Amino acid sequence: MADMSVDPPGPGPADEREDDVFAARLRVDPEQARKILDTDRFDFGDRPRITPNADGTGTLDLFVTRAQVAELQADGITVELGHNQSARARERVAELGEGDRYEGSREIPHGVGQKTGGRGGPGSSDPKAQERRS
């Protein structure tokens, strides 16, 4: 995680929602790390990552809500908040346009999108779709 800006634990920007998820780095001792890892309340992404620090603590990357930040801080854990991942996702989804990004199969789509149906998927019998996938 790059650029871990510190956000105050209180209310955030006006566009922030109560259940938004943030990238976070925690400074934990072995006991705190074990306690966090033994619970299923936290999102580690694909797997827990703990980077050892010279003082015997570790840095643990998590995805947390502000409520979870408050819980962790109440347990004496130092939390450094990074980007609001939920807001970032909302921004990216807002980039999606309306209409046919393929322009009736005349254009190759660019940018973020999701196939919601139609021809051209795996196993398609459309020869032009087969050419485009090659």
N, C-alpha and C. Protein backbone atom coordinates (compact mmCIF):
# COMPACT_ATOMS: atom_id res chain seq x y z
N MET A 1 0.86 -1.18 0.00
CA MET A 1 0.00 0.00 0.00
C MET A 1 0.89 1.23 0.00
N ALA A 2 0.73 2.05 -0.96
CA ALA A 2 1.51 3.27 -1.02
C ALA A 2 0.68 4.42 -0.48
N ASP A 3 1.36 5.48 -0.09
CA ASP A 3 0.73 6.72 0.34
C ASP A 3 -0.32 6.50 1.43
N MET A 4 0.12 6.14 2.60
CA MET A 4 -0.79 5.92 3.72
C MET A 4 -1.03 7.23 4.45
N SER A 5 -1.96 8.02 3.94
CA SER A 5 -2.27 9.28 4.60
C SER A 5 -3.06 9.00 5.86
N VAL A 6 -2.84 9.81 6.87
CA VAL A 6 -3.51 9.60 8.15
C VAL A 6 -4.79 10.41 8.18
N ASP A 7 -5.90 9.73 8.39
CA ASP A 7 -7.19 10.38 8.52
C ASP A 7 -7.59 10.34 9.99
N PRO A 8 -8.22 11.38 10.49
CA PRO A 8 -8.67 11.34 11.88
C PRO A 8 -9.74 10.28 12.04
N PRO A 9 -9.86 9.69 13.23
CA PRO A 9 -10.83 8.63 13.44
C PRO A 9 -12.27 9.10 13.46
N GLY A 10 -12.51 10.38 13.54
CA GLY A 10 -13.87 10.92 13.58
C GLY A 10 -14.50 10.92 12.20
N PRO A 11 -15.61 11.66 12.07
CA PRO A 11 -16.29 11.72 10.78
C PRO A 11 -15.36 12.22 9.69
N GLY A 12 -15.55 11.70 8.49
CA GLY A 12 -14.69 12.06 7.37
C GLY A 12 -15.36 13.04 6.43
N PRO A 13 -14.90 13.07 5.20
CA PRO A 13 -15.47 13.97 4.21
C PRO A 13 -16.96 13.74 4.02
N ALA A 14 -17.62 14.74 3.44
CA ALA A 14 -19.08 14.68 3.28
C ALA A 14 -19.53 13.50 2.43
N ASP A 15 -18.70 13.07 1.48
CA ASP A 15 -19.09 11.94 0.62
C ASP A 15 -18.79 10.58 1.24
N GLU A 16 -18.22 10.58 2.44
CA GLU A 16 -17.90 9.32 3.12
C GLU A 16 -19.17 8.73 3.72
N ARG A 17 -19.29 7.42 3.60
CA ARG A 17 -20.44 6.71 4.16
C ARG A 17 -20.01 5.95 5.39
N GLU A 18 -20.97 5.66 6.24
CA GLU A 18 -20.68 5.01 7.52
C GLU A 18 -19.99 3.66 7.37
N ASP A 19 -20.35 2.92 6.33
CA ASP A 19 -19.79 1.57 6.16
C ASP A 19 -18.62 1.53 5.17
N ASP A 20 -18.05 2.68 4.82
CA ASP A 20 -16.91 2.69 3.91
C ASP A 20 -15.74 1.91 4.49
N VAL A 21 -14.99 1.31 3.60
CA VAL A 21 -13.84 0.49 3.99
C VAL A 21 -12.56 1.20 3.57
N PHE A 22 -11.59 1.22 4.48
CA PHE A 22 -10.32 1.89 4.27
C PHE A 22 -9.18 0.88 4.29
N ALA A 23 -8.15 1.15 3.50
CA ALA A 23 -6.90 0.40 3.64
C ALA A 23 -6.25 0.92 4.92
N ALA A 24 -5.67 0.03 5.71
CA ALA A 24 -5.07 0.44 6.97
C ALA A 24 -3.83 -0.38 7.26
N ARG A 25 -2.95 0.24 8.02
CA ARG A 25 -1.76 -0.46 8.54
C ARG A 25 -1.81 -0.38 10.05
N LEU A 26 -1.63 -1.52 10.68
CA LEU A 26 -1.64 -1.60 12.14
C LEU A 26 -0.24 -1.95 12.63
N ARG A 27 0.14 -1.35 13.74
CA ARG A 27 1.39 -1.73 14.41
C ARG A 27 0.97 -2.60 15.58
N VAL A 28 1.36 -3.88 15.52
CA VAL A 28 0.89 -4.85 16.51
C VAL A 28 2.05 -5.64 17.10
N ASP A 29 1.86 -6.01 18.38
CA ASP A 29 2.83 -6.94 18.97
C ASP A 29 2.31 -8.35 18.65
N PRO A 30 3.10 -9.38 18.92
CA PRO A 30 2.68 -10.75 18.56
C PRO A 30 1.33 -11.15 19.15
N GLU A 31 1.06 -10.77 20.39
CA GLU A 31 -0.22 -11.13 21.02
C GLU A 31 -1.39 -10.44 20.32
N GLN A 32 -1.23 -9.16 20.01
CA GLN A 32 -2.29 -8.42 19.32
C GLN A 32 -2.52 -9.02 17.93
N ALA A 33 -1.44 -9.35 17.24
CA ALA A 33 -1.56 -9.94 15.91
C ALA A 33 -2.32 -11.26 15.98
N ARG A 34 -1.99 -12.09 16.96
CA ARG A 34 -2.66 -13.39 17.11
C ARG A 34 -4.15 -13.19 17.37
N LYS A 35 -4.48 -12.23 18.23
CA LYS A 35 -5.88 -11.95 18.54
C LYS A 35 -6.65 -11.52 17.30
N ILE A 36 -6.05 -10.66 16.49
CA ILE A 36 -6.70 -10.19 15.26
C ILE A 36 -6.84 -11.32 14.25
N LEU A 37 -5.79 -12.11 14.11
CA LEU A 37 -5.81 -13.21 13.14
C LEU A 37 -6.80 -14.31 13.52
N ASP A 38 -7.04 -14.47 14.83
CA ASP A 38 -7.94 -15.52 15.30
C ASP A 38 -9.42 -15.16 15.15
N THR A 39 -9.71 -13.93 14.80
CA THR A 39 -11.10 -13.53 14.62
C THR A 39 -11.43 -13.45 13.13
N ASP A 40 -12.69 -13.56 12.80
CA ASP A 40 -13.09 -13.44 11.40
C ASP A 40 -13.75 -12.09 11.12
N ARG A 41 -13.49 -11.10 11.97
CA ARG A 41 -14.13 -9.79 11.82
C ARG A 41 -13.38 -8.86 10.86
N PHE A 42 -12.18 -9.22 10.45
CA PHE A 42 -11.36 -8.31 9.66
C PHE A 42 -11.05 -8.88 8.28
N ASP A 43 -10.90 -7.96 7.33
CA ASP A 43 -10.60 -8.33 5.95
C ASP A 43 -9.11 -8.12 5.70
N PHE A 44 -8.42 -9.21 5.39
CA PHE A 44 -6.98 -9.17 5.13
C PHE A 44 -6.68 -9.09 3.64
N GLY A 45 -7.71 -9.06 2.81
CA GLY A 45 -7.47 -9.18 1.38
C GLY A 45 -7.31 -10.65 1.06
N ASP A 46 -6.35 -10.98 0.20
CA ASP A 46 -6.19 -12.39 -0.17
C ASP A 46 -5.53 -13.23 0.93
N ARG A 47 -4.72 -12.58 1.80
CA ARG A 47 -4.10 -13.30 2.91
C ARG A 47 -3.53 -12.28 3.89
N PRO A 48 -3.34 -12.65 5.14
CA PRO A 48 -2.73 -11.71 6.09
C PRO A 48 -1.27 -11.43 5.72
N ARG A 49 -0.88 -10.18 5.85
CA ARG A 49 0.50 -9.77 5.60
C ARG A 49 1.02 -9.05 6.85
N ILE A 50 2.04 -9.60 7.44
CA ILE A 50 2.67 -8.96 8.60
C ILE A 50 4.14 -8.76 8.27
N THR A 51 4.57 -7.51 8.32
CA THR A 51 5.96 -7.17 8.07
C THR A 51 6.63 -6.93 9.42
N PRO A 52 7.69 -7.67 9.74
CA PRO A 52 8.36 -7.49 11.04
C PRO A 52 9.03 -6.11 11.14
N ASN A 53 8.97 -5.52 12.32
CA ASN A 53 9.65 -4.26 12.62
C ASN A 53 10.84 -4.57 13.53
N ALA A 54 11.82 -3.69 13.55
CA ALA A 54 13.04 -3.89 14.34
C ALA A 54 12.77 -3.99 15.84
N ASP A 55 11.67 -3.37 16.30
CA ASP A 55 11.39 -3.36 17.74
C ASP A 55 10.60 -4.58 18.22
N GLY A 56 10.40 -5.58 17.35
CA GLY A 56 9.68 -6.79 17.74
C GLY A 56 8.20 -6.74 17.42
N THR A 57 7.70 -5.58 17.00
CA THR A 57 6.30 -5.49 16.58
C THR A 57 6.23 -5.85 15.10
N GLY A 58 5.04 -5.83 14.57
CA GLY A 58 4.84 -6.08 13.15
C GLY A 58 3.85 -5.09 12.58
N THR A 59 3.91 -4.91 11.28
CA THR A 59 2.96 -4.06 10.58
C THR A 59 2.00 -4.98 9.83
N LEU A 60 0.72 -4.87 10.15
CA LEU A 60 -0.32 -5.73 9.58
C LEU A 60 -1.22 -4.88 8.70
N ASP A 61 -1.40 -5.29 7.44
CA ASP A 61 -2.28 -4.60 6.50
C ASP A 61 -3.69 -5.19 6.59
N LEU A 62 -4.67 -4.31 6.70
CA LEU A 62 -6.08 -4.72 6.78
C LEU A 62 -6.95 -3.77 5.98
N PHE A 63 -8.19 -4.18 5.76
CA PHE A 63 -9.24 -3.29 5.26
C PHE A 63 -10.25 -3.17 6.39
N VAL A 64 -10.52 -1.93 6.83
CA VAL A 64 -11.35 -1.71 8.01
C VAL A 64 -12.33 -0.56 7.81
N THR A 65 -13.40 -0.60 8.60
CA THR A 65 -14.33 0.52 8.67
C THR A 65 -13.87 1.44 9.79
N ARG A 66 -14.43 2.63 9.87
CA ARG A 66 -14.07 3.54 10.96
C ARG A 66 -14.48 2.95 12.32
N ALA A 67 -15.58 2.20 12.37
CA ALA A 67 -15.99 1.56 13.62
C ALA A 67 -14.93 0.54 14.06
N GLN A 68 -14.38 -0.21 13.11
CA GLN A 68 -13.35 -1.18 13.44
C GLN A 68 -12.06 -0.47 13.88
N VAL A 69 -11.77 0.69 13.29
CA VAL A 69 -10.61 1.48 13.71
C VAL A 69 -10.76 1.85 15.18
N ALA A 70 -11.95 2.30 15.56
CA ALA A 70 -12.19 2.69 16.95
C ALA A 70 -12.00 1.49 17.89
N GLU A 71 -12.47 0.31 17.49
CA GLU A 71 -12.29 -0.91 18.30
C GLU A 71 -10.80 -1.23 18.48
N LEU A 72 -10.07 -1.17 17.38
CA LEU A 72 -8.65 -1.49 17.43
C LEU A 72 -7.89 -0.50 18.29
N GLN A 73 -8.21 0.78 18.14
CA GLN A 73 -7.55 1.80 18.95
C GLN A 73 -7.88 1.64 20.43
N ALA A 74 -9.12 1.23 20.73
CA ALA A 74 -9.51 0.99 22.12
C ALA A 74 -8.70 -0.16 22.73
N ASP A 75 -8.23 -1.08 21.88
CA ASP A 75 -7.38 -2.19 22.34
C ASP A 75 -5.91 -1.80 22.37
N GLY A 76 -5.60 -0.51 22.14
CA GLY A 76 -4.23 -0.03 22.22
C GLY A 76 -3.42 -0.26 20.96
N ILE A 77 -4.08 -0.50 19.85
CA ILE A 77 -3.39 -0.76 18.59
C ILE A 77 -3.29 0.55 17.79
N THR A 78 -2.11 0.83 17.29
CA THR A 78 -1.90 2.01 16.45
C THR A 78 -2.39 1.70 15.05
N VAL A 79 -3.29 2.55 14.53
CA VAL A 79 -3.88 2.35 13.21
C VAL A 79 -3.54 3.55 12.34
N GLU A 80 -2.98 3.28 11.17
CA GLU A 80 -2.70 4.31 10.18
C GLU A 80 -3.64 4.07 9.00
N LEU A 81 -4.57 5.01 8.77
CA LEU A 81 -5.53 4.85 7.68
C LEU A 81 -4.95 5.30 6.37
N GLY A 82 -5.29 4.56 5.34
CA GLY A 82 -4.91 4.90 3.98
C GLY A 82 -6.13 5.37 3.22
N HIS A 83 -6.19 5.01 1.98
CA HIS A 83 -7.27 5.45 1.10
C HIS A 83 -8.60 4.82 1.45
N ASN A 84 -9.65 5.57 1.20
CA ASN A 84 -11.01 5.08 1.33
C ASN A 84 -11.30 4.23 0.09
N GLN A 85 -11.24 2.92 0.25
CA GLN A 85 -11.41 2.01 -0.88
C GLN A 85 -12.83 2.05 -1.43
N SER A 86 -13.80 2.25 -0.56
CA SER A 86 -15.20 2.31 -1.01
C SER A 86 -15.43 3.54 -1.88
N ALA A 87 -14.91 4.70 -1.46
CA ALA A 87 -15.06 5.92 -2.24
C ALA A 87 -14.34 5.78 -3.58
N ARG A 88 -13.17 5.15 -3.55
CA ARG A 88 -12.43 4.92 -4.80
C ARG A 88 -13.25 4.05 -5.75
N ALA A 89 -13.90 3.03 -5.23
CA ALA A 89 -14.73 2.15 -6.06
C ALA A 89 -15.91 2.93 -6.64
N ARG A 90 -16.53 3.78 -5.81
CA ARG A 90 -17.64 4.60 -6.32
C ARG A 90 -17.19 5.53 -7.43
N GLU A 91 -16.00 6.11 -7.29
CA GLU A 91 -15.47 6.99 -8.34
C GLU A 91 -15.25 6.22 -9.63
N ARG A 92 -14.70 5.02 -9.53
CA ARG A 92 -14.44 4.22 -10.73
C ARG A 92 -15.74 3.80 -11.41
N VAL A 93 -16.74 3.43 -10.63
CA VAL A 93 -18.02 3.03 -11.21
C VAL A 93 -18.67 4.23 -11.90
N ALA A 94 -18.48 5.44 -11.34
CA ALA A 94 -19.06 6.64 -11.94
C ALA A 94 -18.45 6.92 -13.31
N GLU A 95 -17.27 6.39 -13.58
CA GLU A 95 -16.64 6.57 -14.89
C GLU A 95 -17.35 5.79 -15.98
N LEU A 96 -18.12 4.78 -15.58
CA LEU A 96 -18.80 3.97 -16.57
C LEU A 96 -19.88 4.79 -17.26
N GLY A 97 -19.92 4.70 -18.56
CA GLY A 97 -20.93 5.41 -19.32
C GLY A 97 -22.15 4.55 -19.52
N GLU A 98 -23.14 5.15 -20.12
CA GLU A 98 -24.36 4.43 -20.47
C GLU A 98 -24.26 4.04 -21.94
N GLY A 99 -24.96 3.00 -22.29
CA GLY A 99 -25.03 2.64 -23.71
C GLY A 99 -24.11 1.47 -24.04
N ASP A 100 -23.90 1.31 -25.33
CA ASP A 100 -23.16 0.18 -25.87
C ASP A 100 -21.70 0.57 -26.09
N ARG A 101 -20.82 0.14 -25.18
CA ARG A 101 -19.40 0.44 -25.33
C ARG A 101 -18.81 -0.23 -26.56
N TYR A 102 -19.46 -1.26 -27.04
CA TYR A 102 -18.95 -1.99 -28.19
C TYR A 102 -19.41 -1.37 -29.51
N GLU A 103 -20.35 -0.45 -29.44
CA GLU A 103 -20.94 0.17 -30.62
C GLU A 103 -21.31 -0.90 -31.65
N GLY A 104 -22.18 -1.82 -31.22
CA GLY A 104 -22.64 -2.87 -32.11
C GLY A 104 -21.52 -3.74 -32.66
N SER A 105 -20.52 -4.03 -31.88
CA SER A 105 -19.36 -4.86 -32.22
C SER A 105 -18.43 -4.19 -33.21
N ARG A 106 -18.55 -2.88 -33.40
CA ARG A 106 -17.65 -2.16 -34.31
C ARG A 106 -16.43 -1.62 -33.57
N GLU A 107 -16.46 -1.56 -32.26
CA GLU A 107 -15.36 -0.99 -31.49
C GLU A 107 -14.89 -1.97 -30.42
N ILE A 108 -13.60 -1.93 -30.12
CA ILE A 108 -13.06 -2.68 -29.00
C ILE A 108 -13.22 -1.79 -27.77
N PRO A 109 -13.85 -2.29 -26.71
CA PRO A 109 -14.09 -1.44 -25.53
C PRO A 109 -12.80 -1.10 -24.80
N HIS A 110 -12.79 0.04 -24.17
CA HIS A 110 -11.67 0.48 -23.35
C HIS A 110 -12.19 0.91 -22.00
N GLY A 111 -11.39 0.80 -20.97
CA GLY A 111 -11.76 1.27 -19.64
C GLY A 111 -12.47 0.22 -18.83
N VAL A 112 -13.05 0.66 -17.72
CA VAL A 112 -13.72 -0.22 -16.77
C VAL A 112 -15.08 -0.60 -17.32
N GLY A 113 -15.45 -1.85 -17.20
CA GLY A 113 -16.76 -2.28 -17.66
C GLY A 113 -17.07 -3.69 -17.19
N GLN A 114 -18.29 -4.09 -17.43
CA GLN A 114 -18.71 -5.43 -17.05
C GLN A 114 -19.64 -5.95 -18.13
N LYS A 115 -19.38 -7.15 -18.59
CA LYS A 115 -20.24 -7.77 -19.57
C LYS A 115 -21.49 -8.26 -18.86
N THR A 116 -22.64 -7.82 -19.31
CA THR A 116 -23.87 -8.18 -18.65
C THR A 116 -24.74 -9.12 -19.47
N GLY A 117 -24.32 -9.50 -20.63
CA GLY A 117 -25.10 -10.41 -21.46
C GLY A 117 -24.77 -10.19 -22.92
N GLY A 118 -25.45 -10.93 -23.78
CA GLY A 118 -25.23 -10.74 -25.20
C GLY A 118 -24.24 -11.73 -25.75
N ARG A 119 -23.87 -11.49 -26.99
CA ARG A 119 -22.96 -12.41 -27.70
C ARG A 119 -21.51 -12.06 -27.41
N GLY A 120 -20.63 -12.96 -27.83
CA GLY A 120 -19.20 -12.69 -27.76
C GLY A 120 -18.50 -13.26 -26.55
N GLY A 121 -19.24 -13.93 -25.69
CA GLY A 121 -18.60 -14.53 -24.52
C GLY A 121 -17.93 -15.83 -24.87
N PRO A 122 -17.36 -16.49 -23.90
CA PRO A 122 -16.72 -17.78 -24.13
C PRO A 122 -17.69 -18.74 -24.81
N GLY A 123 -17.22 -19.44 -25.81
CA GLY A 123 -18.06 -20.41 -26.52
C GLY A 123 -18.97 -19.78 -27.55
N SER A 124 -18.80 -18.51 -27.84
CA SER A 124 -19.64 -17.82 -28.81
C SER A 124 -19.42 -18.39 -30.19
N SER A 125 -20.47 -18.44 -30.98
CA SER A 125 -20.33 -18.91 -32.35
C SER A 125 -20.13 -17.74 -33.31
N ASP A 126 -20.04 -16.53 -32.80
CA ASP A 126 -19.81 -15.34 -33.62
C ASP A 126 -18.35 -15.35 -34.10
N PRO A 127 -18.09 -15.50 -35.42
CA PRO A 127 -16.71 -15.57 -35.91
C PRO A 127 -15.93 -14.30 -35.64
N LYS A 128 -16.58 -13.13 -35.69
CA LYS A 128 -15.87 -11.88 -35.40
C LYS A 128 -15.42 -11.85 -33.95
N ALA A 129 -16.25 -12.38 -33.05
CA ALA A 129 -15.86 -12.42 -31.63
C ALA A 129 -14.67 -13.35 -31.45
N GLN A 130 -14.64 -14.47 -32.20
CA GLN A 130 -13.52 -15.39 -32.12
C GLN A 130 -12.24 -14.70 -32.59
N GLU A 131 -12.31 -13.90 -33.69
CA GLU A 131 -11.14 -13.20 -34.19
C GLU A 131 -10.62 -12.21 -33.17
N ARG A 132 -11.52 -11.47 -32.51
CA ARG A 132 -11.11 -10.44 -31.56
C ARG A 132 -10.41 -11.06 -30.35
N ARG A 133 -10.79 -12.29 -29.98
CA ARG A 133 -10.17 -12.94 -28.82
C ARG A 133 -8.81 -13.53 -29.17
N SER A 134 -8.52 -13.74 -30.44
CA SER A 134 -7.24 -14.35 -30.84
C SER A 134 -6.11 -13.37 -30.75
